[in-house]
C-alpha atoms as a PDB file:
ATOM      1  CA  MET A   1     -13.181 -39.083  17.166  1.00  0.00           C
ATOM      2  CA  ALA A   2     -12.503 -36.863  14.230  1.00  0.00           C
ATOM      3  CA  ASP A   3     -11.299 -38.292  10.990  1.00  0.00           C
ATOM      4  CA  PHE A   4      -7.701 -37.272  10.364  1.00  0.00           C
ATOM      5  CA  SER A   5      -7.167 -39.229   7.116  1.00  0.00           C
ATOM      6  CA  ILE A   6      -5.427 -36.257   5.435  1.00  0.00           C
ATOM      7  CA  VAL A   7      -3.085 -35.168   8.160  1.00  0.00           C
ATOM      8  CA  GLY A   8       0.494 -36.196   7.610  1.00  0.00           C
ATOM      9  CA  LYS A   9      -0.125 -37.359   4.085  1.00  0.00           C
ATOM     10  CA  ARG A  10       1.112 -35.848   0.741  1.00  0.00           C
ATOM     11  CA  LEU A  11      -1.538 -34.122  -1.321  1.00  0.00           C
ATOM     12  CA  PRO A  12      -1.294 -33.358  -5.004  1.00  0.00           C
ATOM     13  CA  MET A  13      -0.658 -29.684  -5.575  1.00  0.00           C
ATOM     14  CA  VAL A  14      -3.087 -29.205  -8.639  1.00  0.00           C
ATOM     15  CA  ASP A  15      -2.363 -25.544  -9.177  1.00  0.00           C
ATOM     16  CA  ALA A  16       1.586 -25.987  -9.113  1.00  0.00           C
ATOM     17  CA  PRO A  17       2.009 -26.514 -12.894  1.00  0.00           C
ATOM     18  CA  ASP A  18      -0.119 -23.228 -13.700  1.00  0.00           C
ATOM     19  CA  LYS A  19       1.951 -21.335 -11.106  1.00  0.00           C
ATOM     20  CA  VAL A  20       5.430 -22.338 -12.228  1.00  0.00           C
ATOM     21  CA  THR A  21       4.594 -21.792 -15.954  1.00  0.00           C
ATOM     22  CA  GLY A  22       3.093 -18.406 -15.353  1.00  0.00           C
ATOM     23  CA  ARG A  23      -0.424 -19.254 -16.477  1.00  0.00           C
ATOM     24  CA  ALA A  24      -2.033 -18.871 -13.121  1.00  0.00           C
ATOM     25  CA  LEU A  25      -4.114 -15.696 -12.624  1.00  0.00           C
ATOM     26  CA  TYR A  26      -3.829 -13.692  -9.535  1.00  0.00           C
ATOM     27  CA  THR A  27      -6.070 -10.877  -8.307  1.00  0.00           C
ATOM     28  CA  ASP A  28      -3.427  -8.316  -9.376  1.00  0.00           C
ATOM     29  CA  ASP A  29      -3.631  -9.610 -12.947  1.00  0.00           C
ATOM     30  CA  LEU A  30      -7.453  -8.838 -13.225  1.00  0.00           C
ATOM     31  CA  ALA A  31      -8.761  -5.643 -14.679  1.00  0.00           C
ATOM     32  CA  LEU A  32     -12.604  -5.454 -14.789  1.00  0.00           C
ATOM     33  CA  PRO A  33     -14.783  -2.662 -16.143  1.00  0.00           C
ATOM     34  CA  GLY A  34     -15.592  -0.016 -13.554  1.00  0.00           C
ATOM     35  CA  MET A  35     -13.082  -1.557 -11.023  1.00  0.00           C
ATOM     36  CA  LEU A  36     -11.806   0.689  -8.279  1.00  0.00           C
ATOM     37  CA  VAL A  37      -8.149   0.635  -7.455  1.00  0.00           C
ATOM     38  CA  GLY A  38      -6.721   1.471  -4.018  1.00  0.00           C
ATOM     39  CA  LYS A  39      -3.304   3.123  -3.567  1.00  0.00           C
ATOM     40  CA  ILE A  40      -1.271   3.736  -0.404  1.00  0.00           C
ATOM     41  CA  LEU A  41       1.204   6.621  -0.314  1.00  0.00           C
ATOM     42  CA  HIS A  42       3.934   6.075   2.246  1.00  0.00           C
ATOM     43  CA  SER A  43       6.292   8.771   3.489  1.00  0.00           C
ATOM     44  CA  PRO A  44       9.883   8.382   2.202  1.00  0.00           C
ATOM     45  CA  HIS A  45      11.064   9.672   5.536  1.00  0.00           C
ATOM     46  CA  ALA A  46      10.846   7.335   8.633  1.00  0.00           C
ATOM     47  CA  HIS A  47       8.992   8.753  11.678  1.00  0.00           C
ATOM     48  CA  ALA A  48       8.391  12.123   9.878  1.00  0.00           C
ATOM     49  CA  ARG A  49       5.445  14.262  10.805  1.00  0.00           C
ATOM     50  CA  LEU A  50       3.352  15.212   7.633  1.00  0.00           C
ATOM     51  CA  ARG A  51       2.156  18.792   7.640  1.00  0.00           C
ATOM     52  CA  SER A  52      -0.009  18.281   4.573  1.00  0.00           C
ATOM     53  CA  ILE A  53      -0.940  16.173   1.666  1.00  0.00           C
ATOM     54  CA  ASP A  54      -1.361  17.558  -1.733  1.00  0.00           C
ATOM     55  CA  THR A  55      -4.107  15.557  -3.403  1.00  0.00           C
ATOM     56  CA  ALA A  56      -4.533  17.900  -6.503  1.00  0.00           C
ATOM     57  CA  ARG A  57      -2.576  15.632  -8.854  1.00  0.00           C
ATOM     58  CA  ALA A  58      -4.784  12.629  -7.782  1.00  0.00           C
ATOM     59  CA  GLU A  59      -7.980  14.540  -8.240  1.00  0.00           C
ATOM     60  CA  ARG A  60      -7.066  15.545 -11.828  1.00  0.00           C
ATOM     61  CA  LEU A  61      -6.873  11.887 -12.775  1.00  0.00           C
ATOM     62  CA  PRO A  62      -9.896  10.784 -14.926  1.00  0.00           C
ATOM     63  CA  PRO A  63     -12.438  10.094 -13.396  1.00  0.00           C
ATOM     64  CA  GLY A  64     -10.694  11.188 -10.244  1.00  0.00           C
ATOM     65  CA  PRO A  65     -10.621   9.556  -6.764  1.00  0.00           C
ATOM     66  CA  VAL A  66     -13.819   8.340  -5.271  1.00  0.00           C
ATOM     67  CA  SER A  67     -12.680   8.958  -1.707  1.00  0.00           C
ATOM     68  CA  ARG A  68      -9.530   9.211   0.301  1.00  0.00           C
ATOM     69  CA  PHE A  69      -8.494   8.525   3.879  1.00  0.00           C
ATOM     70  CA  GLN A  70      -6.627  11.584   5.214  1.00  0.00           C
ATOM     71  CA  ASN A  71      -5.983  12.740   8.869  1.00  0.00           C
ATOM     72  CA  GLY A  72      -7.776   9.643  10.246  1.00  0.00           C
ATOM     73  CA  ALA A  73     -10.979  10.359   8.399  1.00  0.00           C
ATOM     74  CA  LEU A  74     -12.634   8.944   5.267  1.00  0.00           C
ATOM     75  CA  VAL A  75     -13.199  11.861   2.769  1.00  0.00           C
ATOM     76  CA  LEU A  76     -15.872  11.031   0.127  1.00  0.00           C
ATOM     77  CA  ARG A  77     -15.921  12.881  -3.134  1.00  0.00           C
END
């Protein structure tokens, strides 16, 4: 039979003090050199049909987008 020595017992939450004091680091808090960031743009209109997406503003950002997912296809730069 399997050993269920932990099931139904209280376990110490060792990360709880860091979380409640704000010292815990989450993945959103990390910024590494050369790190890529993904963004999702949602339509402000529910069930709307998008005719086009203007990506010019995103492409002007330094160093610009590496790729984008548009019209169901991944577009590499």
